[in-house]
Amino acid sequence: MSEATSRDDGPAITFYRLQACPYCERVARTLGELGLEYRSRFVEPLHSRRDVVKRVAGVRTVPVIVDDETGVTMAESANIVDYLESTYGAGSDGGSTTATEATADAGGDD
């Protein structure tokens, strides 16, 4: 495992998402392609109930990632994909690891 994603208490990246959300799937696909470990947090399907995401990122939309290694919290799938590729992709200092996913929190579809 690379240091960029290896911590004692789990993966450095937390990914807030909905099931069957195409924007979330785009981020999940990029995380997998880069071989990054991450923890999935499935959020409430209703915007008005996404208090966890609001506390973390200041928005109620998903996807959102929190990268504890770099201190970055980010929303919007295109921005997240660009960030992941520039930070952990080929030619970056980030490196990659074996992709694993730990799921938590109850979720639903969009």
C-alpha atoms as a PDB file:
ATOM      1  CA  MET A   1       0.000   0.000   0.000  1.00  0.00           C
ATOM      2  CA  SER A   2       1.189   3.505  -0.707  1.00  0.00           C
ATOM      3  CA  GLU A   3       1.422   6.015   2.076  1.00  0.00           C
ATOM      4  CA  ALA A   4      -0.999   8.276   0.258  1.00  0.00           C
ATOM      5  CA  THR A   5      -3.856   5.946   1.127  1.00  0.00           C
ATOM      6  CA  SER A   6      -2.578   3.850   4.013  1.00  0.00           C
ATOM      7  CA  ARG A   7      -3.635   4.835   7.534  1.00  0.00           C
ATOM      8  CA  ASP A   8      -4.125   2.963  10.764  1.00  0.00           C
ATOM      9  CA  ASP A   9      -7.861   3.647  10.832  1.00  0.00           C
ATOM     10  CA  GLY A  10      -8.635   2.965   7.185  1.00  0.00           C
ATOM     11  CA  PRO A  11      -8.389   4.547   3.750  1.00  0.00           C
ATOM     12  CA  ALA A  12      -7.501   8.239   3.474  1.00  0.00           C
ATOM     13  CA  ILE A  13     -10.322   8.919   0.996  1.00  0.00           C
ATOM     14  CA  THR A  14     -13.954   8.988   2.072  1.00  0.00           C
ATOM     15  CA  PHE A  15     -16.440   8.991  -0.792  1.00  0.00           C
ATOM     16  CA  TYR A  16     -19.985  10.266  -0.150  1.00  0.00           C
ATOM     17  CA  ARG A  17     -22.360   8.853  -2.743  1.00  0.00           C
ATOM     18  CA  LEU A  18     -25.771   7.516  -3.729  1.00  0.00           C
ATOM     19  CA  GLN A  19     -26.495   4.125  -5.217  1.00  0.00           C
ATOM     20  CA  ALA A  20     -27.269   4.222  -8.949  1.00  0.00           C
ATOM     21  CA  CYS A  21     -26.021   7.809  -9.289  1.00  0.00           C
ATOM     22  CA  PRO A  22     -24.173   8.160 -12.628  1.00  0.00           C
ATOM     23  CA  TYR A  23     -21.989  11.003 -11.311  1.00  0.00           C
ATOM     24  CA  CYS A  24     -21.022   8.914  -8.296  1.00  0.00           C
ATOM     25  CA  GLU A  25     -20.287   5.933 -10.536  1.00  0.00           C
ATOM     26  CA  ARG A  26     -17.935   8.097 -12.596  1.00  0.00           C
ATOM     27  CA  VAL A  27     -15.920   8.887  -9.449  1.00  0.00           C
ATOM     28  CA  ALA A  28     -16.035   5.252  -8.281  1.00  0.00           C
ATOM     29  CA  ARG A  29     -14.732   4.121 -11.674  1.00  0.00           C
ATOM     30  CA  THR A  30     -11.844   6.610 -11.482  1.00  0.00           C
ATOM     31  CA  LEU A  31     -10.970   5.539  -7.932  1.00  0.00           C
ATOM     32  CA  GLY A  32     -10.905   1.925  -9.125  1.00  0.00           C
ATOM     33  CA  GLU A  33      -8.855   2.683 -12.240  1.00  0.00           C
ATOM     34  CA  LEU A  34      -6.279   4.480 -10.106  1.00  0.00           C
ATOM     35  CA  GLY A  35      -6.247   1.595  -7.617  1.00  0.00           C
ATOM     36  CA  LEU A  36      -7.083   3.857  -4.683  1.00  0.00           C
ATOM     37  CA  GLU A  37      -8.531   2.569  -1.446  1.00  0.00           C
ATOM     38  CA  TYR A  38     -11.567   4.450  -0.219  1.00  0.00           C
ATOM     39  CA  ARG A  39     -14.437   4.261   2.221  1.00  0.00           C
ATOM     40  CA  SER A  40     -17.940   4.661   0.752  1.00  0.00           C
ATOM     41  CA  ARG A  41     -20.560   6.544   2.718  1.00  0.00           C
ATOM     42  CA  PHE A  42     -23.974   6.098   1.180  1.00  0.00           C
ATOM     43  CA  VAL A  43     -26.125   9.141   1.910  1.00  0.00           C
ATOM     44  CA  GLU A  44     -29.831   9.829   2.167  1.00  0.00           C
ATOM     45  CA  PRO A  45     -31.603  10.043  -1.196  1.00  0.00           C
ATOM     46  CA  LEU A  46     -33.489  13.222  -0.216  1.00  0.00           C
ATOM     47  CA  HIS A  47     -31.430  16.408  -0.495  1.00  0.00           C
ATOM     48  CA  SER A  48     -33.054  17.864   2.609  1.00  0.00           C
ATOM     49  CA  ARG A  49     -31.802  14.926   4.698  1.00  0.00           C
ATOM     50  CA  ARG A  50     -28.166  14.944   3.591  1.00  0.00           C
ATOM     51  CA  ASP A  51     -26.941  16.626   6.745  1.00  0.00           C
ATOM     52  CA  VAL A  52     -23.732  14.574   6.833  1.00  0.00           C
ATOM     53  CA  VAL A  53     -22.665  15.826   3.406  1.00  0.00           C
ATOM     54  CA  LYS A  54     -23.677  19.386   4.290  1.00  0.00           C
ATOM     55  CA  ARG A  55     -21.508  19.288   7.444  1.00  0.00           C
ATOM     56  CA  VAL A  56     -18.527  17.857   5.574  1.00  0.00           C
ATOM     57  CA  ALA A  57     -18.601  19.791   2.291  1.00  0.00           C
ATOM     58  CA  GLY A  58     -21.066  22.636   2.711  1.00  0.00           C
ATOM     59  CA  VAL A  59     -23.317  21.194  -0.027  1.00  0.00           C
ATOM     60  CA  ARG A  60     -26.051  18.593  -0.120  1.00  0.00           C
ATOM     61  CA  THR A  61     -25.124  17.206  -3.536  1.00  0.00           C
ATOM     62  CA  VAL A  62     -23.086  14.100  -4.261  1.00  0.00           C
ATOM     63  CA  PRO A  63     -20.528  12.934  -5.132  1.00  0.00           C
ATOM     64  CA  VAL A  64     -18.207  14.389  -2.513  1.00  0.00           C
ATOM     65  CA  ILE A  65     -14.778  13.153  -1.515  1.00  0.00           C
ATOM     66  CA  VAL A  66     -12.703  13.929   1.543  1.00  0.00           C
ATOM     67  CA  ASP A  67      -9.009  13.132   1.152  1.00  0.00           C
ATOM     68  CA  ASP A  68      -7.454  13.165   4.611  1.00  0.00           C
ATOM     69  CA  GLU A  69      -3.988  12.694   3.142  1.00  0.00           C
ATOM     70  CA  THR A  70      -4.058  16.027   1.284  1.00  0.00           C
ATOM     71  CA  GLY A  71      -6.724  17.850   3.305  1.00  0.00           C
ATOM     72  CA  VAL A  72      -8.963  18.254   0.246  1.00  0.00           C
ATOM     73  CA  THR A  73     -12.765  18.167   0.418  1.00  0.00           C
ATOM     74  CA  MET A  74     -14.412  18.404  -2.976  1.00  0.00           C
ATOM     75  CA  ALA A  75     -17.786  18.127  -4.724  1.00  0.00           C
ATOM     76  CA  GLU A  76     -18.756  17.811  -8.420  1.00  0.00           C
ATOM     77  CA  SER A  77     -17.756  14.673 -10.297  1.00  0.00           C
ATOM     78  CA  ALA A  78     -15.702  16.399 -13.026  1.00  0.00           C
ATOM     79  CA  ASN A  79     -13.664  18.308 -10.436  1.00  0.00           C
ATOM     80  CA  ILE A  80     -13.168  15.162  -8.346  1.00  0.00           C
ATOM     81  CA  VAL A  81     -12.014  13.106 -11.344  1.00  0.00           C
ATOM     82  CA  ASP A  82      -9.562  15.839 -12.391  1.00  0.00           C
ATOM     83  CA  TYR A  83      -8.237  16.072  -8.825  1.00  0.00           C
ATOM     84  CA  LEU A  84      -7.811  12.302  -8.468  1.00  0.00           C
ATOM     85  CA  GLU A  85      -6.047  11.963 -11.815  1.00  0.00           C
ATOM     86  CA  SER A  86      -3.704  14.887 -11.193  1.00  0.00           C
ATOM     87  CA  THR A  87      -2.954  13.839  -7.599  1.00  0.00           C
ATOM     88  CA  TYR A  88      -2.765  10.043  -7.901  1.00  0.00           C
ATOM     89  CA  GLY A  89      -2.585   9.316 -11.641  1.00  0.00           C
ATOM     90  CA  ALA A  90       0.417   8.399 -13.768  1.00  0.00           C
ATOM     91  CA  GLY A  91       3.214  10.901 -13.371  1.00  0.00           C
ATOM     92  CA  SER A  92       1.954  12.161 -10.001  1.00  0.00           C
ATOM     93  CA  ASP A  93       3.723  11.716  -6.686  1.00  0.00           C
ATOM     94  CA  GLY A  94       0.670   9.913  -5.253  1.00  0.00           C
ATOM     95  CA  GLY A  95       1.066   6.320  -6.353  1.00  0.00           C
ATOM     96  CA  SER A  96      -1.641   3.689  -6.219  1.00  0.00           C
ATOM     97  CA  THR A  97      -2.775   0.763  -4.132  1.00  0.00           C
ATOM     98  CA  THR A  98      -5.024  -2.230  -4.449  1.00  0.00           C
ATOM     99  CA  ALA A  99      -8.613  -1.058  -4.734  1.00  0.00           C
ATOM    100  CA  THR A 100     -10.817  -1.973  -1.827  1.00  0.00           C
ATOM    101  CA  GLU A 101     -14.042  -0.486  -0.648  1.00  0.00           C
ATOM    102  CA  ALA A 102     -15.501  -0.356   2.822  1.00  0.00           C
ATOM    103  CA  THR A 103     -19.162   0.567   2.822  1.00  0.00           C
ATOM    104  CA  ALA A 104     -20.930   2.276   5.653  1.00  0.00           C
ATOM    105  CA  ASP A 105     -24.151   4.156   6.368  1.00  0.00           C
ATOM    106  CA  ALA A 106     -27.518   3.267   4.948  1.00  0.00           C
ATOM    107  CA  GLY A 107     -28.168   4.346   1.411  1.00  0.00           C
ATOM    108  CA  GLY A 108     -30.776   4.475  -1.245  1.00  0.00           C
ATOM    109  CA  ASP A 109     -31.118   5.283  -4.889  1.00  0.00           C
ATOM    110  CA  ASP A 110     -31.536   8.653  -6.446  1.00  0.00           C
END
